[in-house]
Amino acid sequence: MSVTMKDIAAQLGISIGTVSKVLRGHPDISQEMREKVRARIRELNYRPNLTARALVTGKTHTIGLVVPDLVHPFFGEVAAGLSKVLRKKGYSLIISSSDEEVELETRAIDQLLARSVDALILASSQRDWGFLSHLEKQETPVVLIDRRPDDRKVNYVGVSDDEIGRIATEHLIDVGCKRIAHIGGPGISTAIGRLHGYQQALERHGLSSDPNYVVSGEHADESSDDSGYLAMNTLLDLKRRPDGVFCYNDPSAMGAMQAAIEKGVRIPQDLAIVGSGNVRYSKFLRIPLSTIDQQSQEIGDRAAKLALRLIETKTPVKPNAILLNPNLVVRDSSLRVAASGRSRS
């Protein structure tokens, strides 16, 4: 027969409640008692019956995460931030990828809800946000990350994409670029916001917004390096080549740099490039990439805390949007001499 908490409590001469508190990481148990209980758990190879616990508590202590892809380091870092918070609270994270396909995302959401996850954290691939009406009718709290609808009040954690576009473009202006292009993403909220910020910065500084200088890729994350490569070749075929490019994300910027290098374009002397995301390997590239830090792990941290708060609340709460501040990280790909003759960083 399987070992129960009652067996462990009887062998140690303590209450079942004490064993339960140790398993849940409750703070009012001494370190000596924790070690005793954990040692006996290991000896007896005890495994909590999560199904039985869920029937009693009404909670599975699991949270579902659905992201567009698991290849892009941004979502890996978000998941790391989530896991760090959830582990401390005794929750497990179930991760699923939609591969940027609406049908797969819908199926993943339905499967997680069928598993009775206590909350759902979602970076949606869908362009039509009407599906949220269905989710809102469920009892499971939902927190959106990275991508959000403009016209709905939702629980959300991310950064201002308009601000990302503005900061990146103004940096290129500061280092002396006059013909600034934008390699964008598909028609999702992040790409739309960053394009808007790019256009606002150009207008604010009296620079023209040439439609030929805006090339949008088909892929949002996993294959955006290919999109960046193709888009840069399109820009370099123009009669008046750009001297600065703001790319939708870091992978698209890497693809863009590869295309430029192959055509003999010097970075940053001939062409300054800025990405977005600050993925871990950006600084180890042949030409370290200037980028916008989106605070990916902090997004995960805040999303986890918001989800836990929604799980634990007894009464409905108003939707809460948490916007973190994006930060410019300057590296070699944009370190050129500005119009004034000074190097800017």
Protein backbone atom coordinates (compact mmCIF):
# COMPACT_ATOMS: atom_id res chain seq x y z
CA MET A 1 0.00 0.00 0.00
CA SER A 2 1.15 3.55 -0.65
CA VAL A 3 2.53 5.63 2.18
CA THR A 4 0.29 8.42 3.52
CA MET A 5 0.88 11.56 5.56
CA LYS A 6 -0.79 9.72 8.45
CA ASP A 7 1.95 7.05 8.32
CA ILE A 8 4.72 9.68 8.38
CA ALA A 9 3.07 11.57 11.24
CA ALA A 10 2.61 8.37 13.29
CA GLN A 11 6.24 7.30 12.84
CA LEU A 12 7.54 10.72 13.93
CA GLY A 13 4.98 11.21 16.68
CA ILE A 14 3.67 14.46 15.23
CA SER A 15 0.38 15.66 13.80
CA ILE A 16 -0.72 15.24 10.19
CA GLY A 17 -1.04 19.03 10.09
CA THR A 18 2.69 19.41 10.79
CA VAL A 19 3.58 17.05 7.93
CA SER A 20 1.22 18.99 5.66
CA LYS A 21 2.83 22.31 6.59
CA VAL A 22 6.29 20.96 5.82
CA LEU A 23 5.11 19.80 2.40
CA ARG A 24 3.60 23.22 1.72
CA GLY A 25 6.68 25.12 2.92
CA HIS A 26 4.77 26.79 5.74
CA PRO A 27 7.01 29.25 7.64
CA ASP A 28 6.00 28.35 11.23
CA ILE A 29 7.76 24.95 11.24
CA SER A 30 11.29 24.82 12.68
CA GLN A 31 14.21 23.90 10.46
CA GLU A 32 14.95 20.84 12.66
CA MET A 33 11.41 19.53 12.21
CA ARG A 34 11.49 20.22 8.47
CA GLU A 35 14.64 18.14 8.10
CA LYS A 36 13.16 15.27 10.14
CA VAL A 37 9.98 15.16 8.08
CA ARG A 38 11.80 15.46 4.76
CA ALA A 39 14.24 12.71 5.72
CA ARG A 40 11.37 10.34 6.56
CA ILE A 41 9.60 11.28 3.32
CA ARG A 42 12.71 10.28 1.37
CA GLU A 43 13.10 7.03 3.33
CA LEU A 44 9.52 5.99 2.68
CA ASN A 45 9.49 7.29 -0.91
CA TYR A 46 6.32 9.24 -0.15
CA ARG A 47 4.53 10.97 -3.02
CA PRO A 48 1.58 13.31 -2.30
CA ASN A 49 -1.69 12.24 -3.91
CA LEU A 50 -2.29 15.45 -5.84
CA THR A 51 -5.66 14.31 -7.14
CA ALA A 52 -6.94 13.63 -3.64
CA ARG A 53 -5.56 16.93 -2.40
CA ALA A 54 -7.27 18.78 -5.24
CA LEU A 55 -10.60 17.18 -4.36
CA VAL A 56 -10.25 18.41 -0.78
CA THR A 57 -8.84 21.88 -1.41
CA GLY A 58 -10.38 22.65 -4.80
CA LYS A 59 -6.89 23.54 -6.07
CA THR A 60 -4.44 21.56 -8.20
CA HIS A 61 -1.49 23.83 -7.39
CA THR A 62 -0.67 24.00 -11.08
CA ILE A 63 -0.55 27.00 -13.38
CA GLY A 64 -0.65 26.78 -17.17
CA LEU A 65 1.54 28.83 -19.48
CA VAL A 66 0.87 29.06 -23.23
CA VAL A 67 3.44 30.87 -25.38
CA PRO A 68 3.88 31.26 -29.16
CA ASP A 69 7.09 29.23 -29.21
CA LEU A 70 9.66 27.66 -26.91
CA VAL A 71 12.67 28.48 -29.10
CA HIS A 72 12.74 32.25 -28.55
CA PRO A 73 14.84 32.93 -25.42
CA PHE A 74 12.47 35.72 -24.37
CA PHE A 75 9.74 33.25 -23.43
CA GLY A 76 12.27 30.93 -21.80
CA GLU A 77 13.33 33.76 -19.50
CA VAL A 78 9.69 34.64 -18.77
CA ALA A 79 9.10 30.99 -17.81
CA ALA A 80 12.19 31.09 -15.55
CA GLY A 81 10.81 34.14 -13.75
CA LEU A 82 7.44 32.42 -13.33
CA SER A 83 8.93 29.18 -12.02
CA LYS A 84 11.10 30.90 -9.43
CA VAL A 85 8.07 32.50 -7.78
CA LEU A 86 5.72 29.53 -8.16
CA ARG A 87 8.14 26.97 -6.71
CA LYS A 88 8.34 28.93 -3.47
CA LYS A 89 4.56 28.77 -3.17
CA GLY A 90 4.31 25.05 -3.93
CA TYR A 91 2.93 25.46 -7.45
CA SER A 92 4.00 23.65 -10.62
CA LEU A 93 4.12 25.22 -14.08
CA ILE A 94 2.75 23.38 -17.13
CA ILE A 95 4.12 24.89 -20.36
CA SER A 96 2.62 24.56 -23.82
CA SER A 97 3.58 26.10 -27.18
CA SER A 98 1.11 27.24 -29.83
CA ASP A 99 3.74 27.57 -32.58
CA GLU A 100 1.94 30.82 -33.53
CA GLU A 101 -1.10 28.79 -34.64
CA VAL A 102 -4.55 29.75 -33.36
CA GLU A 103 -5.90 26.21 -33.51
CA LEU A 104 -3.00 24.80 -31.48
CA GLU A 105 -3.33 27.62 -28.96
CA THR A 106 -7.06 26.96 -28.51
CA ARG A 107 -6.37 23.25 -28.03
CA ALA A 108 -3.61 23.96 -25.49
CA ILE A 109 -5.89 26.28 -23.51
CA ASP A 110 -8.71 23.72 -23.50
CA GLN A 111 -6.35 20.97 -22.33
CA LEU A 112 -5.00 23.09 -19.50
CA LEU A 113 -8.49 24.05 -18.38
CA ALA A 114 -9.47 20.37 -18.51
CA ARG A 115 -6.55 19.70 -16.14
CA SER A 116 -8.13 22.25 -13.77
CA VAL A 117 -5.10 24.52 -13.59
CA ASP A 118 -5.58 27.17 -10.93
CA ALA A 119 -4.63 30.00 -13.34
CA LEU A 120 -3.70 30.46 -16.98
CA ILE A 121 -0.89 32.73 -18.21
CA LEU A 122 -1.07 33.44 -21.91
CA ALA A 123 0.98 35.12 -24.65
CA SER A 124 -1.63 34.81 -27.36
CA SER A 125 -1.04 34.36 -31.09
CA GLN A 126 -4.59 35.37 -31.93
CA ARG A 127 -5.40 38.60 -33.76
CA ASP A 128 -9.10 38.54 -32.83
CA TRP A 129 -9.36 39.00 -29.08
CA GLY A 130 -13.00 37.94 -29.00
CA PHE A 131 -11.89 34.55 -27.65
CA LEU A 132 -11.27 36.26 -24.30
CA SER A 133 -15.03 36.49 -23.76
CA HIS A 134 -15.10 32.68 -23.57
CA LEU A 135 -12.17 32.59 -21.14
CA GLU A 136 -13.68 35.26 -18.94
CA LYS A 137 -16.72 33.02 -18.41
CA GLN A 138 -14.48 30.35 -16.90
CA GLU A 139 -13.67 30.41 -13.21
CA THR A 140 -9.96 30.13 -13.96
CA PRO A 141 -8.06 33.45 -13.65
CA VAL A 142 -6.24 34.52 -16.82
CA VAL A 143 -3.15 36.75 -17.01
CA LEU A 144 -1.96 37.97 -20.41
CA ILE A 145 1.75 38.63 -20.99
CA ASP A 146 3.71 40.33 -23.77
CA ARG A 147 0.70 40.75 -26.09
CA ARG A 148 -2.51 42.53 -25.16
CA PRO A 149 -5.70 43.91 -26.73
CA ASP A 150 -6.08 47.71 -26.86
CA ASP A 151 -9.80 47.86 -26.20
CA ARG A 152 -10.27 45.46 -23.28
CA LYS A 153 -9.51 45.71 -19.60
CA VAL A 154 -7.53 42.58 -18.76
CA ASN A 155 -4.99 41.28 -16.29
CA TYR A 156 -1.74 41.94 -18.11
CA VAL A 157 2.01 42.12 -17.49
CA GLY A 158 4.44 43.48 -20.07
CA VAL A 159 6.10 46.62 -21.37
CA SER A 160 4.90 49.50 -23.52
CA ASP A 161 5.68 48.51 -27.09
CA ASP A 162 5.22 52.11 -28.23
CA GLU A 163 7.95 53.05 -25.78
CA ILE A 164 10.26 50.32 -27.12
CA GLY A 165 9.92 51.71 -30.64
CA ARG A 166 10.43 55.27 -29.47
CA ILE A 167 13.53 54.55 -27.36
CA ALA A 168 15.22 52.46 -30.07
CA THR A 169 14.53 54.98 -32.84
CA GLU A 170 15.60 57.99 -30.79
CA HIS A 171 18.87 56.23 -29.99
CA LEU A 172 19.52 55.81 -33.71
CA ILE A 173 18.74 59.51 -34.19
CA ASP A 174 21.12 60.38 -31.34
CA VAL A 175 24.00 58.56 -33.02
CA GLY A 176 23.47 60.54 -36.21
CA CYS A 177 21.24 58.33 -38.37
CA LYS A 178 19.06 60.23 -40.86
CA ARG A 179 17.50 57.45 -42.93
CA ILE A 180 16.06 55.08 -40.35
CA ALA A 181 14.24 51.93 -41.39
CA HIS A 182 12.13 49.50 -39.40
CA ILE A 183 12.01 45.73 -39.77
CA GLY A 184 8.70 44.84 -38.18
CA GLY A 185 6.77 41.73 -37.21
CA PRO A 186 3.35 40.41 -38.19
CA GLY A 187 0.12 42.15 -37.21
CA ILE A 188 0.18 41.39 -33.48
CA SER A 189 0.02 44.00 -30.72
CA THR A 190 3.78 44.00 -30.02
CA ALA A 191 4.69 44.65 -33.65
CA ILE A 192 1.97 47.29 -34.08
CA GLY A 193 3.07 49.16 -30.95
CA ARG A 194 6.75 49.16 -31.86
CA LEU A 195 5.99 50.43 -35.36
CA HIS A 196 3.89 53.19 -33.84
CA GLY A 197 6.71 54.20 -31.48
CA TYR A 198 9.17 54.24 -34.40
CA GLN A 199 6.86 56.53 -36.40
CA GLN A 200 6.28 58.83 -33.41
CA ALA A 201 10.03 59.26 -32.84
CA LEU A 202 10.65 60.15 -36.49
CA GLU A 203 7.82 62.69 -36.48
CA ARG A 204 8.99 64.23 -33.21
CA HIS A 205 12.45 64.83 -34.68
CA GLY A 206 11.24 66.07 -38.06
CA LEU A 207 12.47 63.05 -40.02
CA SER A 208 10.49 61.65 -42.93
CA SER A 209 8.75 58.29 -42.61
CA ASP A 210 9.40 56.65 -45.97
CA PRO A 211 7.03 53.69 -46.56
CA ASN A 212 9.86 51.91 -48.38
CA TYR A 213 11.83 51.90 -45.14
CA VAL A 214 9.24 49.78 -43.31
CA VAL A 215 9.38 46.06 -44.09
CA SER A 216 7.27 43.67 -42.01
CA GLY A 217 8.19 40.03 -41.54
CA GLU A 218 5.79 37.12 -41.54
CA HIS A 219 7.13 35.51 -38.38
CA ALA A 220 6.83 36.85 -34.85
CA ASP A 221 9.44 34.90 -32.94
CA GLU A 222 10.82 31.47 -33.84
CA SER A 223 11.69 32.19 -37.51
CA SER A 224 12.04 35.96 -37.29
CA ASP A 225 15.79 35.70 -38.00
CA ASP A 226 14.83 34.51 -41.50
CA SER A 227 12.37 37.37 -41.80
CA GLY A 228 15.03 39.85 -40.68
CA TYR A 229 17.48 38.47 -43.24
CA LEU A 230 14.99 38.82 -46.11
CA ALA A 231 13.81 42.25 -44.97
CA MET A 232 17.37 43.60 -44.77
CA ASN A 233 18.10 42.41 -48.30
CA THR A 234 15.02 44.32 -49.45
CA LEU A 235 16.23 47.48 -47.69
CA LEU A 236 19.76 47.16 -49.08
CA ASP A 237 18.36 46.93 -52.61
CA LEU A 238 16.91 50.45 -52.27
CA LYS A 239 18.61 53.24 -54.20
CA ARG A 240 19.00 55.22 -50.96
CA ARG A 241 19.95 52.68 -48.36
CA PRO A 242 19.04 53.33 -44.72
CA ASP A 243 21.83 54.22 -42.31
CA GLY A 244 19.98 52.93 -39.26
CA VAL A 245 17.51 50.09 -38.64
CA PHE A 246 15.30 49.33 -35.66
CA CYS A 247 14.29 45.67 -35.66
CA TYR A 248 11.15 44.25 -34.07
CA ASN A 249 13.12 41.78 -31.94
CA ASP A 250 16.64 40.46 -31.45
CA PRO A 251 16.36 37.42 -33.76
CA SER A 252 15.19 39.64 -36.64
CA ALA A 253 18.10 41.99 -35.90
CA MET A 254 20.53 39.06 -36.05
CA GLY A 255 19.16 38.00 -39.42
CA ALA A 256 19.41 41.60 -40.60
CA MET A 257 23.04 41.86 -39.50
CA GLN A 258 23.91 38.64 -41.31
CA ALA A 259 22.42 39.97 -44.56
CA ALA A 260 24.25 43.29 -44.20
CA ILE A 261 27.61 41.62 -43.49
CA GLU A 262 27.22 39.37 -46.52
CA LYS A 263 26.79 42.46 -48.70
CA GLY A 264 29.87 44.14 -47.31
CA VAL A 265 27.99 46.71 -45.23
CA ARG A 266 29.98 47.85 -42.19
CA ILE A 267 28.14 47.79 -38.87
CA PRO A 268 27.81 50.32 -37.32
CA GLN A 269 29.84 52.65 -39.58
CA ASP A 270 27.53 52.29 -42.59
CA LEU A 271 24.49 50.93 -40.79
CA ALA A 272 23.55 51.09 -37.11
CA ILE A 273 21.21 48.36 -35.86
CA VAL A 274 19.07 48.06 -32.72
CA GLY A 275 16.96 45.04 -31.73
CA SER A 276 14.54 44.36 -28.89
CA GLY A 277 14.47 41.70 -26.18
CA ASN A 278 18.05 41.67 -24.90
CA VAL A 279 18.32 37.89 -25.23
CA ARG A 280 21.26 36.43 -23.36
CA TYR A 281 23.48 35.78 -26.37
CA SER A 282 23.06 39.28 -27.88
CA LYS A 283 26.31 40.46 -26.30
CA PHE A 284 28.29 37.45 -27.59
CA LEU A 285 27.59 37.99 -31.29
CA ARG A 286 30.36 38.80 -33.76
CA ILE A 287 29.07 42.38 -33.49
CA PRO A 288 27.40 42.70 -30.06
CA LEU A 289 23.82 43.85 -30.55
CA SER A 290 22.32 47.05 -29.15
CA THR A 291 18.83 46.24 -27.94
CA ILE A 292 15.92 47.14 -25.69
CA ASP A 293 15.72 45.15 -22.46
CA GLN A 294 12.09 44.09 -21.91
CA GLN A 295 12.76 42.75 -18.39
CA SER A 296 11.65 39.27 -19.42
CA GLN A 297 12.31 37.55 -16.08
CA GLU A 298 10.62 40.39 -14.24
CA ILE A 299 7.57 39.93 -16.48
CA GLY A 300 7.47 36.30 -15.34
CA ASP A 301 7.94 37.29 -11.70
CA ARG A 302 5.12 39.85 -11.78
CA ALA A 303 2.78 37.60 -13.79
CA ALA A 304 3.26 34.78 -11.25
CA LYS A 305 2.53 37.08 -8.32
CA LEU A 306 -0.55 38.50 -10.05
CA ALA A 307 -1.84 35.00 -10.86
CA LEU A 308 -1.34 33.88 -7.24
CA ARG A 309 -3.16 36.94 -6.00
CA LEU A 310 -6.10 36.20 -8.31
CA ILE A 311 -6.17 32.57 -7.14
CA GLU A 312 -6.19 33.52 -3.48
CA THR A 313 -8.71 36.37 -3.64
CA LYS A 314 -12.20 35.58 -2.40
CA THR A 315 -13.97 38.40 -4.22
CA PRO A 316 -13.75 39.57 -7.86
CA VAL A 317 -11.10 42.24 -8.47
CA LYS A 318 -10.74 44.81 -11.22
CA PRO A 319 -8.36 43.85 -14.04
CA ASN A 320 -4.82 44.97 -13.35
CA ALA A 321 -2.37 46.01 -16.10
CA ILE A 322 1.29 46.09 -15.01
CA LEU A 323 3.64 47.93 -17.37
CA LEU A 324 7.39 47.64 -16.80
CA ASN A 325 9.89 50.15 -18.14
CA PRO A 326 11.97 49.06 -21.15
CA ASN A 327 15.65 49.99 -21.02
CA LEU A 328 18.14 50.75 -23.79
CA VAL A 329 21.27 48.55 -23.81
CA VAL A 330 23.95 50.03 -26.09
CA ARG A 331 26.54 47.73 -27.68
CA ASP A 332 28.76 47.79 -30.75
CA SER A 333 26.03 47.46 -33.40
CA SER A 334 24.98 51.10 -32.91
CA LEU A 335 28.16 52.70 -31.51
CA ARG A 336 28.93 55.10 -34.33
CA VAL A 337 30.02 58.75 -34.50
CA ALA A 338 27.03 61.06 -34.18
CA ALA A 339 26.43 64.08 -36.40
CA SER A 340 28.02 66.30 -33.76
CA GLY A 341 31.25 64.30 -33.96
CA ARG A 342 30.82 62.71 -30.53
CA SER A 343 30.32 59.02 -29.84
CA ARG A 344 27.01 58.44 -28.09
CA SER A 345 26.04 55.55 -25.80
